[in-house]
Amino acid sequence: MSGHWSQDGEAKMRNIGSTVQITLEGNRSAATIRGGPLANDVYELSEVVFRWGSSNCKGAEHTLNGTWFTMEAQAIHFNKRYETIDNCWDKHDGLAICAYFLQAYQVPTWDEHPLFSKITDDLHKVTQPDSCIKLSPNCLCWMRQACQTPGYYTYLGSITTFPFHECVTWIVFPEPVRISENQTELFRMIRDKQGMCIKENYREVQKLNGRVVYYVN
């Protein structure tokens, strides 16, 4: 990974009516990922989105050996060979999505995850759909914790929203990022376009349907 937590440019956080979306913008080098299961292609970050549930016991779109996690952050990258993300939906190698588990713990307010607070401290400003604010350009630096843990899972699959295009190389980092219950609850205050709080926005875990999941160490 390169450029995801650069201090240059700016980041923006939006309520898109179904989740919270973060994009990296302005005068900065594109955040990219390469190597591993991606062969010789380079994938550029399009956006980061979050999935959560109504309780801290379930909300991620992946499980690990039967264990559920509170939330999942997904960094969506598109294959630069196809120039834009819209050209990638019908390509088997169109997207690479890095999935990060977020696990809530009961901790004092002063002990909340300090790096993840770069996002959650301003979530109250985007509770209404279509609202948008600027964030610190390195607001994704909490991802580094999961990336530094040896090993990841990877498989070929689909996006998790309709129409579920089969165009994704998934990269799932097994080490969960520990956040507070309060930080999690702030996501459940986000409202959809009908004005209702989004309590659940994750897709249930699907059957493998013959897919092979690889562990790379």
C-alpha atoms as a PDB file:
ATOM      1  CA  MET A   1       0.000   0.000   0.000  1.00  0.00           C
ATOM      2  CA  SER A   2       1.230   3.484  -0.846  1.00  0.00           C
ATOM      3  CA  GLY A   3      -0.170   6.927  -0.095  1.00  0.00           C
ATOM      4  CA  HIS A   4      -3.178   5.943   2.018  1.00  0.00           C
ATOM      5  CA  TRP A   5      -2.038   7.927   5.074  1.00  0.00           C
ATOM      6  CA  SER A   6      -0.095  10.707   3.389  1.00  0.00           C
ATOM      7  CA  GLN A   7      -0.142  14.147   5.031  1.00  0.00           C
ATOM      8  CA  ASP A   8      -0.680  15.828   1.655  1.00  0.00           C
ATOM      9  CA  GLY A   9      -3.929  16.988   0.069  1.00  0.00           C
ATOM     10  CA  GLU A  10      -7.196  16.491   1.904  1.00  0.00           C
ATOM     11  CA  ALA A  11      -9.794  13.889   2.749  1.00  0.00           C
ATOM     12  CA  LYS A  12     -13.563  14.218   2.578  1.00  0.00           C
ATOM     13  CA  MET A  13     -16.221  12.281   4.464  1.00  0.00           C
ATOM     14  CA  ARG A  14     -19.727  12.007   3.044  1.00  0.00           C
ATOM     15  CA  ASN A  15     -23.033  10.524   4.125  1.00  0.00           C
ATOM     16  CA  ILE A  16     -24.173   8.881   0.881  1.00  0.00           C
ATOM     17  CA  GLY A  17     -27.485   7.707   2.340  1.00  0.00           C
ATOM     18  CA  SER A  18     -26.423   4.095   2.863  1.00  0.00           C
ATOM     19  CA  THR A  19     -23.048   4.399   4.558  1.00  0.00           C
ATOM     20  CA  VAL A  20     -20.205   6.762   5.358  1.00  0.00           C
ATOM     21  CA  GLN A  21     -17.764   7.291   2.479  1.00  0.00           C
ATOM     22  CA  ILE A  22     -14.234   8.685   2.685  1.00  0.00           C
ATOM     23  CA  THR A  23     -12.304   9.870  -0.375  1.00  0.00           C
ATOM     24  CA  LEU A  24      -8.772  11.245  -0.678  1.00  0.00           C
ATOM     25  CA  GLU A  25      -8.582  14.366  -2.795  1.00  0.00           C
ATOM     26  CA  GLY A  26      -6.585  17.508  -3.541  1.00  0.00           C
ATOM     27  CA  ASN A  27      -2.897  17.853  -4.275  1.00  0.00           C
ATOM     28  CA  ARG A  28      -1.582  14.417  -3.327  1.00  0.00           C
ATOM     29  CA  SER A  29      -0.276  11.334  -5.042  1.00  0.00           C
ATOM     30  CA  ALA A  30      -2.895   8.665  -5.673  1.00  0.00           C
ATOM     31  CA  ALA A  31      -3.158   5.990  -2.993  1.00  0.00           C
ATOM     32  CA  THR A  32      -2.365   2.655  -4.647  1.00  0.00           C
ATOM     33  CA  ILE A  33      -1.960  -1.021  -3.900  1.00  0.00           C
ATOM     34  CA  ARG A  34       0.038  -3.609  -5.818  1.00  0.00           C
ATOM     35  CA  GLY A  35       1.720  -6.995  -5.454  1.00  0.00           C
ATOM     36  CA  GLY A  36       0.538 -10.188  -3.801  1.00  0.00           C
ATOM     37  CA  PRO A  37      -2.601 -11.566  -5.503  1.00  0.00           C
ATOM     38  CA  LEU A  38      -2.817  -8.508  -7.768  1.00  0.00           C
ATOM     39  CA  ALA A  39      -0.013  -9.711 -10.038  1.00  0.00           C
ATOM     40  CA  ASN A  40       1.570  -6.848 -11.951  1.00  0.00           C
ATOM     41  CA  ASP A  41      -1.450  -4.545 -11.937  1.00  0.00           C
ATOM     42  CA  VAL A  42      -1.709  -1.319  -9.922  1.00  0.00           C
ATOM     43  CA  TYR A  43      -4.999  -0.469  -8.219  1.00  0.00           C
ATOM     44  CA  GLU A  44      -5.951   3.073  -7.192  1.00  0.00           C
ATOM     45  CA  LEU A  45      -8.081   3.914  -4.156  1.00  0.00           C
ATOM     46  CA  SER A  46     -11.562   5.089  -5.069  1.00  0.00           C
ATOM     47  CA  GLU A  47     -13.182   5.289  -1.641  1.00  0.00           C
ATOM     48  CA  VAL A  48     -13.456   3.773   1.822  1.00  0.00           C
ATOM     49  CA  VAL A  49     -16.881   2.717   3.105  1.00  0.00           C
ATOM     50  CA  PHE A  50     -18.086   1.213   6.386  1.00  0.00           C
ATOM     51  CA  ARG A  51     -20.472  -1.617   7.282  1.00  0.00           C
ATOM     52  CA  TRP A  52     -22.077  -2.062  10.682  1.00  0.00           C
ATOM     53  CA  GLY A  53     -24.949  -3.717  12.512  1.00  0.00           C
ATOM     54  CA  SER A  54     -27.416  -2.915  15.283  1.00  0.00           C
ATOM     55  CA  SER A  55     -25.255  -4.554  17.953  1.00  0.00           C
ATOM     56  CA  ASN A  56     -21.545  -4.870  18.635  1.00  0.00           C
ATOM     57  CA  CYS A  57     -21.700  -8.621  18.053  1.00  0.00           C
ATOM     58  CA  LYS A  58     -22.378  -8.502  14.319  1.00  0.00           C
ATOM     59  CA  GLY A  59     -21.912  -6.032  11.490  1.00  0.00           C
ATOM     60  CA  ALA A  60     -18.934  -7.091   9.377  1.00  0.00           C
ATOM     61  CA  GLU A  61     -19.460  -8.722   5.982  1.00  0.00           C
ATOM     62  CA  HIS A  62     -16.773 -11.348   6.586  1.00  0.00           C
ATOM     63  CA  THR A  63     -16.241 -13.754   9.452  1.00  0.00           C
ATOM     64  CA  LEU A  64     -12.986 -15.341  10.586  1.00  0.00           C
ATOM     65  CA  ASN A  65     -13.224 -18.986  11.658  1.00  0.00           C
ATOM     66  CA  GLY A  66     -16.820 -18.387  12.697  1.00  0.00           C
ATOM     67  CA  THR A  67     -16.059 -15.192  14.628  1.00  0.00           C
ATOM     68  CA  TRP A  68     -18.133 -12.090  13.901  1.00  0.00           C
ATOM     69  CA  PHE A  69     -16.863  -8.543  14.251  1.00  0.00           C
ATOM     70  CA  THR A  70     -18.622  -5.268  15.061  1.00  0.00           C
ATOM     71  CA  MET A  71     -17.863  -3.410  11.844  1.00  0.00           C
ATOM     72  CA  GLU A  72     -15.919  -3.679   8.621  1.00  0.00           C
ATOM     73  CA  ALA A  73     -14.132  -0.935   6.710  1.00  0.00           C
ATOM     74  CA  GLN A  74     -13.624  -1.550   3.001  1.00  0.00           C
ATOM     75  CA  ALA A  75     -10.986   0.297   0.965  1.00  0.00           C
ATOM     76  CA  ILE A  76     -12.162   0.007  -2.636  1.00  0.00           C
ATOM     77  CA  HIS A  77      -9.496   0.207  -5.346  1.00  0.00           C
ATOM     78  CA  PHE A  78      -9.939   0.044  -9.126  1.00  0.00           C
ATOM     79  CA  ASN A  79      -7.514  -1.427 -11.651  1.00  0.00           C
ATOM     80  CA  LYS A  80      -5.725   1.498 -13.297  1.00  0.00           C
ATOM     81  CA  ARG A  81      -5.423  -0.546 -16.489  1.00  0.00           C
ATOM     82  CA  TYR A  82      -9.135   0.168 -17.059  1.00  0.00           C
ATOM     83  CA  GLU A  83      -8.711   3.919 -16.363  1.00  0.00           C
ATOM     84  CA  THR A  84     -11.938   4.473 -14.338  1.00  0.00           C
ATOM     85  CA  ILE A  85     -13.926   2.490 -11.797  1.00  0.00           C
ATOM     86  CA  ASP A  86     -16.967   2.514 -14.098  1.00  0.00           C
ATOM     87  CA  ASN A  87     -14.991   0.471 -16.623  1.00  0.00           C
ATOM     88  CA  CYS A  88     -14.241  -2.210 -14.036  1.00  0.00           C
ATOM     89  CA  TRP A  89     -17.630  -3.717 -13.165  1.00  0.00           C
ATOM     90  CA  ASP A  90     -17.531  -6.328 -15.936  1.00  0.00           C
ATOM     91  CA  LYS A  91     -13.836  -7.219 -15.495  1.00  0.00           C
ATOM     92  CA  HIS A  92     -12.908 -10.179 -13.297  1.00  0.00           C
ATOM     93  CA  ASP A  93      -9.865  -8.248 -12.061  1.00  0.00           C
ATOM     94  CA  GLY A  94     -11.554  -4.845 -11.974  1.00  0.00           C
ATOM     95  CA  LEU A  95     -11.451  -4.138  -8.246  1.00  0.00           C
ATOM     96  CA  ALA A  96      -9.282  -4.905  -5.238  1.00  0.00           C
ATOM     97  CA  ILE A  97     -10.989  -4.344  -1.895  1.00  0.00           C
ATOM     98  CA  CYS A  98      -9.054  -4.369   1.368  1.00  0.00           C
ATOM     99  CA  ALA A  99     -11.307  -5.326   4.291  1.00  0.00           C
ATOM    100  CA  TYR A 100     -10.514  -4.305   7.863  1.00  0.00           C
ATOM    101  CA  PHE A 101     -12.302  -5.723  10.906  1.00  0.00           C
ATOM    102  CA  LEU A 102     -13.327  -3.211  13.581  1.00  0.00           C
ATOM    103  CA  GLN A 103     -14.135  -4.618  17.012  1.00  0.00           C
ATOM    104  CA  ALA A 104     -15.858  -2.548  19.716  1.00  0.00           C
ATOM    105  CA  TYR A 105     -14.745  -2.723  23.336  1.00  0.00           C
ATOM    106  CA  GLN A 106     -16.105  -1.103  26.458  1.00  0.00           C
ATOM    107  CA  VAL A 107     -13.477   1.454  27.383  1.00  0.00           C
ATOM    108  CA  PRO A 108     -13.499   4.923  28.999  1.00  0.00           C
ATOM    109  CA  THR A 109     -14.015   7.845  26.639  1.00  0.00           C
ATOM    110  CA  TRP A 110     -10.424   8.951  27.137  1.00  0.00           C
ATOM    111  CA  ASP A 111      -9.215   5.523  25.969  1.00  0.00           C
ATOM    112  CA  GLU A 112     -10.904   5.563  22.557  1.00  0.00           C
ATOM    113  CA  HIS A 113      -8.789   4.640  19.537  1.00  0.00           C
ATOM    114  CA  PRO A 114      -6.937   7.935  18.971  1.00  0.00           C
ATOM    115  CA  LEU A 115      -6.250   7.425  15.260  1.00  0.00           C
ATOM    116  CA  PHE A 116      -9.770   6.247  14.453  1.00  0.00           C
ATOM    117  CA  SER A 117     -11.003   9.383  16.243  1.00  0.00           C
ATOM    118  CA  LYS A 118      -9.823  11.335  13.205  1.00  0.00           C
ATOM    119  CA  ILE A 119     -13.046   9.964  11.676  1.00  0.00           C
ATOM    120  CA  THR A 120     -15.450   9.503  14.576  1.00  0.00           C
ATOM    121  CA  ASP A 121     -14.854  12.933  16.137  1.00  0.00           C
ATOM    122  CA  ASP A 122     -16.596  14.483  13.126  1.00  0.00           C
ATOM    123  CA  LEU A 123     -19.274  11.862  12.387  1.00  0.00           C
ATOM    124  CA  HIS A 124     -21.940  14.038  14.046  1.00  0.00           C
ATOM    125  CA  LYS A 125     -21.410  16.557  11.242  1.00  0.00           C
ATOM    126  CA  VAL A 126     -22.573  14.119   8.547  1.00  0.00           C
ATOM    127  CA  THR A 127     -25.619  12.527  10.171  1.00  0.00           C
ATOM    128  CA  GLN A 128     -27.847  13.948   7.427  1.00  0.00           C
ATOM    129  CA  PRO A 129     -27.746  12.369   3.939  1.00  0.00           C
ATOM    130  CA  ASP A 130     -25.663  14.164   1.291  1.00  0.00           C
ATOM    131  CA  SER A 131     -23.711  16.091   3.943  1.00  0.00           C
ATOM    132  CA  CYS A 132     -19.948  16.343   3.477  1.00  0.00           C
ATOM    133  CA  ILE A 133     -16.996  17.610   5.520  1.00  0.00           C
ATOM    134  CA  LYS A 134     -13.219  17.752   5.269  1.00  0.00           C
ATOM    135  CA  LEU A 135     -11.036  15.489   7.388  1.00  0.00           C
ATOM    136  CA  SER A 136      -7.359  15.356   8.193  1.00  0.00           C
ATOM    137  CA  PRO A 137      -5.519  14.099   5.074  1.00  0.00           C
ATOM    138  CA  ASN A 138      -4.073  11.171   7.064  1.00  0.00           C
ATOM    139  CA  CYS A 139      -7.413  10.079   8.548  1.00  0.00           C
ATOM    140  CA  LEU A 140      -6.824   6.511   7.320  1.00  0.00           C
ATOM    141  CA  CYS A 141      -3.592   6.031   9.285  1.00  0.00           C
ATOM    142  CA  TRP A 142      -5.362   3.602  11.663  1.00  0.00           C
ATOM    143  CA  MET A 143      -5.260   1.054   8.813  1.00  0.00           C
ATOM    144  CA  ARG A 144      -1.512   0.698   9.303  1.00  0.00           C
ATOM    145  CA  GLN A 145      -2.090  -1.294  12.499  1.00  0.00           C
ATOM    146  CA  ALA A 146      -3.893  -4.085  10.616  1.00  0.00           C
ATOM    147  CA  CYS A 147      -1.526  -3.980   7.638  1.00  0.00           C
ATOM    148  CA  GLN A 148       1.548  -4.534   9.815  1.00  0.00           C
ATOM    149  CA  THR A 149       0.238  -7.860  11.087  1.00  0.00           C
ATOM    150  CA  PRO A 150       1.736 -10.766   9.103  1.00  0.00           C
ATOM    151  CA  GLY A 151      -0.686 -12.599   6.843  1.00  0.00           C
ATOM    152  CA  TYR A 152      -3.969 -11.923   5.089  1.00  0.00           C
ATOM    153  CA  TYR A 153      -6.788 -13.841   3.404  1.00  0.00           C
ATOM    154  CA  THR A 154      -7.643 -13.418  -0.258  1.00  0.00           C
ATOM    155  CA  TYR A 155     -10.233 -14.765  -2.669  1.00  0.00           C
ATOM    156  CA  LEU A 156     -12.087 -13.819  -5.855  1.00  0.00           C
ATOM    157  CA  GLY A 157     -15.622 -12.589  -5.236  1.00  0.00           C
ATOM    158  CA  SER A 158     -18.155  -9.833  -5.777  1.00  0.00           C
ATOM    159  CA  ILE A 159     -19.048  -6.424  -4.484  1.00  0.00           C
ATOM    160  CA  THR A 160     -21.528  -6.635  -1.600  1.00  0.00           C
ATOM    161  CA  THR A 161     -24.153  -4.248  -2.972  1.00  0.00           C
ATOM    162  CA  PHE A 162     -26.591  -4.733  -5.848  1.00  0.00           C
ATOM    163  CA  PRO A 163     -26.019  -5.872  -8.556  1.00  0.00           C
ATOM    164  CA  PHE A 164     -23.133  -7.801  -6.919  1.00  0.00           C
ATOM    165  CA  HIS A 165     -20.660  -7.624  -9.797  1.00  0.00           C
ATOM    166  CA  GLU A 166     -18.140 -10.512  -9.764  1.00  0.00           C
ATOM    167  CA  CYS A 167     -15.121  -8.281 -10.221  1.00  0.00           C
ATOM    168  CA  VAL A 168     -13.297  -8.217  -6.881  1.00  0.00           C
ATOM    169  CA  THR A 169     -10.055  -9.563  -5.506  1.00  0.00           C
ATOM    170  CA  TRP A 170     -10.755  -9.415  -1.775  1.00  0.00           C
ATOM    171  CA  ILE A 171      -7.891  -8.931   0.689  1.00  0.00           C
ATOM    172  CA  VAL A 172      -9.019  -9.456   4.278  1.00  0.00           C
ATOM    173  CA  PHE A 173      -6.717  -8.515   7.140  1.00  0.00           C
ATOM    174  CA  PRO A 174      -7.337 -10.801  10.154  1.00  0.00           C
ATOM    175  CA  GLU A 175      -6.095  -8.465  12.894  1.00  0.00           C
ATOM    176  CA  PRO A 176      -9.086  -6.411  14.170  1.00  0.00           C
ATOM    177  CA  VAL A 177      -8.712  -2.737  14.964  1.00  0.00           C
ATOM    178  CA  ARG A 178      -9.946  -2.145  18.524  1.00  0.00           C
ATOM    179  CA  ILE A 179     -12.345   0.795  18.762  1.00  0.00           C
ATOM    180  CA  SER A 180     -14.681   1.867  21.545  1.00  0.00           C
ATOM    181  CA  GLU A 181     -18.388   1.159  21.879  1.00  0.00           C
ATOM    182  CA  ASN A 182     -18.968   4.906  21.755  1.00  0.00           C
ATOM    183  CA  GLN A 183     -17.110   5.224  18.448  1.00  0.00           C
ATOM    184  CA  THR A 184     -19.264   2.426  17.026  1.00  0.00           C
ATOM    185  CA  GLU A 185     -22.512   3.947  18.254  1.00  0.00           C
ATOM    186  CA  LEU A 186     -21.763   7.158  16.370  1.00  0.00           C
ATOM    187  CA  PHE A 187     -22.112   5.284  13.067  1.00  0.00           C
ATOM    188  CA  ARG A 188     -25.623   4.174  14.059  1.00  0.00           C
ATOM    189  CA  MET A 189     -26.617   7.851  14.251  1.00  0.00           C
ATOM    190  CA  ILE A 190     -26.060   8.255  10.499  1.00  0.00           C
ATOM    191  CA  ARG A 191     -29.385   8.773   8.703  1.00  0.00           C
ATOM    192  CA  ASP A 192     -30.560   7.454   5.338  1.00  0.00           C
ATOM    193  CA  LYS A 193     -32.463   9.407   2.695  1.00  0.00           C
ATOM    194  CA  GLN A 194     -35.761   8.640   4.464  1.00  0.00           C
ATOM    195  CA  GLY A 195     -34.431  10.281   7.624  1.00  0.00           C
ATOM    196  CA  MET A 196     -34.091   7.010   9.538  1.00  0.00           C
ATOM    197  CA  CYS A 197     -30.964   6.068  11.502  1.00  0.00           C
ATOM    198  CA  ILE A 198     -28.977   3.372   9.704  1.00  0.00           C
ATOM    199  CA  LYS A 199     -28.782   0.547  12.239  1.00  0.00           C
ATOM    200  CA  GLU A 200     -27.651  -2.147   9.781  1.00  0.00           C
ATOM    201  CA  ASN A 201     -26.066  -1.858   6.340  1.00  0.00           C
ATOM    202  CA  TYR A 202     -24.110  -5.099   5.970  1.00  0.00           C
ATOM    203  CA  ARG A 203     -24.736  -8.043   3.675  1.00  0.00           C
ATOM    204  CA  GLU A 204     -24.980 -11.448   5.306  1.00  0.00           C
ATOM    205  CA  VAL A 205     -22.030 -13.787   4.792  1.00  0.00           C
ATOM    206  CA  GLN A 206     -22.518 -15.795   1.612  1.00  0.00           C
ATOM    207  CA  LYS A 207     -21.728 -19.424   0.817  1.00  0.00           C
ATOM    208  CA  LEU A 208     -18.374 -20.043  -0.849  1.00  0.00           C
ATOM    209  CA  ASN A 209     -20.007 -21.559  -3.956  1.00  0.00           C
ATOM    210  CA  GLY A 210     -16.768 -23.271  -4.924  1.00  0.00           C
ATOM    211  CA  ARG A 211     -14.514 -20.309  -4.252  1.00  0.00           C
ATOM    212  CA  VAL A 212     -11.141 -20.977  -2.659  1.00  0.00           C
ATOM    213  CA  VAL A 213      -9.955 -18.705   0.152  1.00  0.00           C
ATOM    214  CA  TYR A 214      -6.189 -18.465   0.403  1.00  0.00           C
ATOM    215  CA  TYR A 215      -4.136 -17.474   3.433  1.00  0.00           C
ATOM    216  CA  VAL A 216      -0.909 -15.660   2.543  1.00  0.00           C
ATOM    217  CA  ASN A 217       1.775 -15.245   5.169  1.00  0.00           C
END
